[in-house]
Amino acid sequence: MGVPRRKEMIYISKKPKTPSLTVFLTGQASRDAKKAKVCDVWLFGKSIYL
């Protein structure tokens, strides 16, 4: 992730150039679709610290 993308995330850009984010899961969630969905719901709206 480059500096411009980090700035978009930190300053919550009104019109981000890339309106999505790929998150790689580890542990149990990476092998279980139901747990991955729970992680998806849990991450929605959470603060991201870089």
C-alpha atoms as a PDB file:
ATOM      1  CA  MET A   1       0.000   0.000   0.000  1.00  0.00           C
ATOM      2  CA  GLY A   2       1.496   3.289  -1.067  1.00  0.00           C
ATOM      3  CA  VAL A   3       1.503   6.697   0.587  1.00  0.00           C
ATOM      4  CA  PRO A   4      -1.412   8.126  -1.479  1.00  0.00           C
ATOM      5  CA  ARG A   5      -3.650   5.179  -0.477  1.00  0.00           C
ATOM      6  CA  ARG A   6      -2.715   5.592   3.190  1.00  0.00           C
ATOM      7  CA  LYS A   7      -3.565   9.293   2.989  1.00  0.00           C
ATOM      8  CA  GLU A   8      -6.984   8.418   1.524  1.00  0.00           C
ATOM      9  CA  MET A   9      -7.626   6.064   4.435  1.00  0.00           C
ATOM     10  CA  ILE A  10      -6.290   8.347   7.163  1.00  0.00           C
ATOM     11  CA  TYR A  11      -8.090  11.473   5.996  1.00  0.00           C
ATOM     12  CA  ILE A  12     -11.245   9.593   4.932  1.00  0.00           C
ATOM     13  CA  SER A  13     -11.338  10.882   1.381  1.00  0.00           C
ATOM     14  CA  LYS A  14     -14.816  11.770   0.053  1.00  0.00           C
ATOM     15  CA  LYS A  15     -13.981  10.274  -3.368  1.00  0.00           C
ATOM     16  CA  PRO A  16     -11.351   7.548  -2.936  1.00  0.00           C
ATOM     17  CA  LYS A  17      -9.632   6.399  -6.126  1.00  0.00           C
ATOM     18  CA  THR A  18      -9.844   2.787  -4.942  1.00  0.00           C
ATOM     19  CA  PRO A  19     -13.047   2.321  -2.912  1.00  0.00           C
ATOM     20  CA  SER A  20     -12.144  -1.189  -1.780  1.00  0.00           C
ATOM     21  CA  LEU A  21      -9.539  -2.882   0.367  1.00  0.00           C
ATOM     22  CA  THR A  22      -8.244  -6.445   0.265  1.00  0.00           C
ATOM     23  CA  VAL A  23      -7.695  -8.003   3.681  1.00  0.00           C
ATOM     24  CA  PHE A  24      -5.915 -11.335   4.025  1.00  0.00           C
ATOM     25  CA  LEU A  25      -7.178 -13.386   6.959  1.00  0.00           C
ATOM     26  CA  THR A  26      -4.992 -15.669   9.053  1.00  0.00           C
ATOM     27  CA  GLY A  27      -5.722 -18.479  11.455  1.00  0.00           C
ATOM     28  CA  GLN A  28      -9.188 -20.082  11.662  1.00  0.00           C
ATOM     29  CA  ALA A  29     -10.924 -17.351   9.653  1.00  0.00           C
ATOM     30  CA  SER A  30      -8.736 -18.061   6.621  1.00  0.00           C
ATOM     31  CA  ARG A  31     -10.012 -21.654   6.452  1.00  0.00           C
ATOM     32  CA  ASP A  32     -13.668 -21.237   7.454  1.00  0.00           C
ATOM     33  CA  ALA A  33     -16.129 -19.249   5.282  1.00  0.00           C
ATOM     34  CA  LYS A  34     -18.529 -18.647   8.185  1.00  0.00           C
ATOM     35  CA  LYS A  35     -15.776 -17.194  10.379  1.00  0.00           C
ATOM     36  CA  ALA A  36     -14.515 -15.104   7.452  1.00  0.00           C
ATOM     37  CA  LYS A  37     -17.998 -13.593   7.093  1.00  0.00           C
ATOM     38  CA  VAL A  38     -18.026 -12.763  10.816  1.00  0.00           C
ATOM     39  CA  CYS A  39     -14.669 -11.001  10.342  1.00  0.00           C
ATOM     40  CA  ASP A  40     -16.158  -9.087   7.400  1.00  0.00           C
ATOM     41  CA  VAL A  41     -19.043  -7.832   9.547  1.00  0.00           C
ATOM     42  CA  TRP A  42     -16.722  -7.071  12.470  1.00  0.00           C
ATOM     43  CA  LEU A  43     -14.318  -5.051  10.299  1.00  0.00           C
ATOM     44  CA  PHE A  44     -17.088  -2.925   8.746  1.00  0.00           C
ATOM     45  CA  GLY A  45     -16.908   0.532  10.271  1.00  0.00           C
ATOM     46  CA  LYS A  46     -13.835  -0.164  12.394  1.00  0.00           C
ATOM     47  CA  SER A  47     -10.931   2.233  12.688  1.00  0.00           C
ATOM     48  CA  ILE A  48      -7.759   1.237  10.887  1.00  0.00           C
ATOM     49  CA  TYR A  49      -4.403   2.082  12.434  1.00  0.00           C
ATOM     50  CA  LEU A  50      -1.424   1.984  10.075  1.00  0.00           C
END
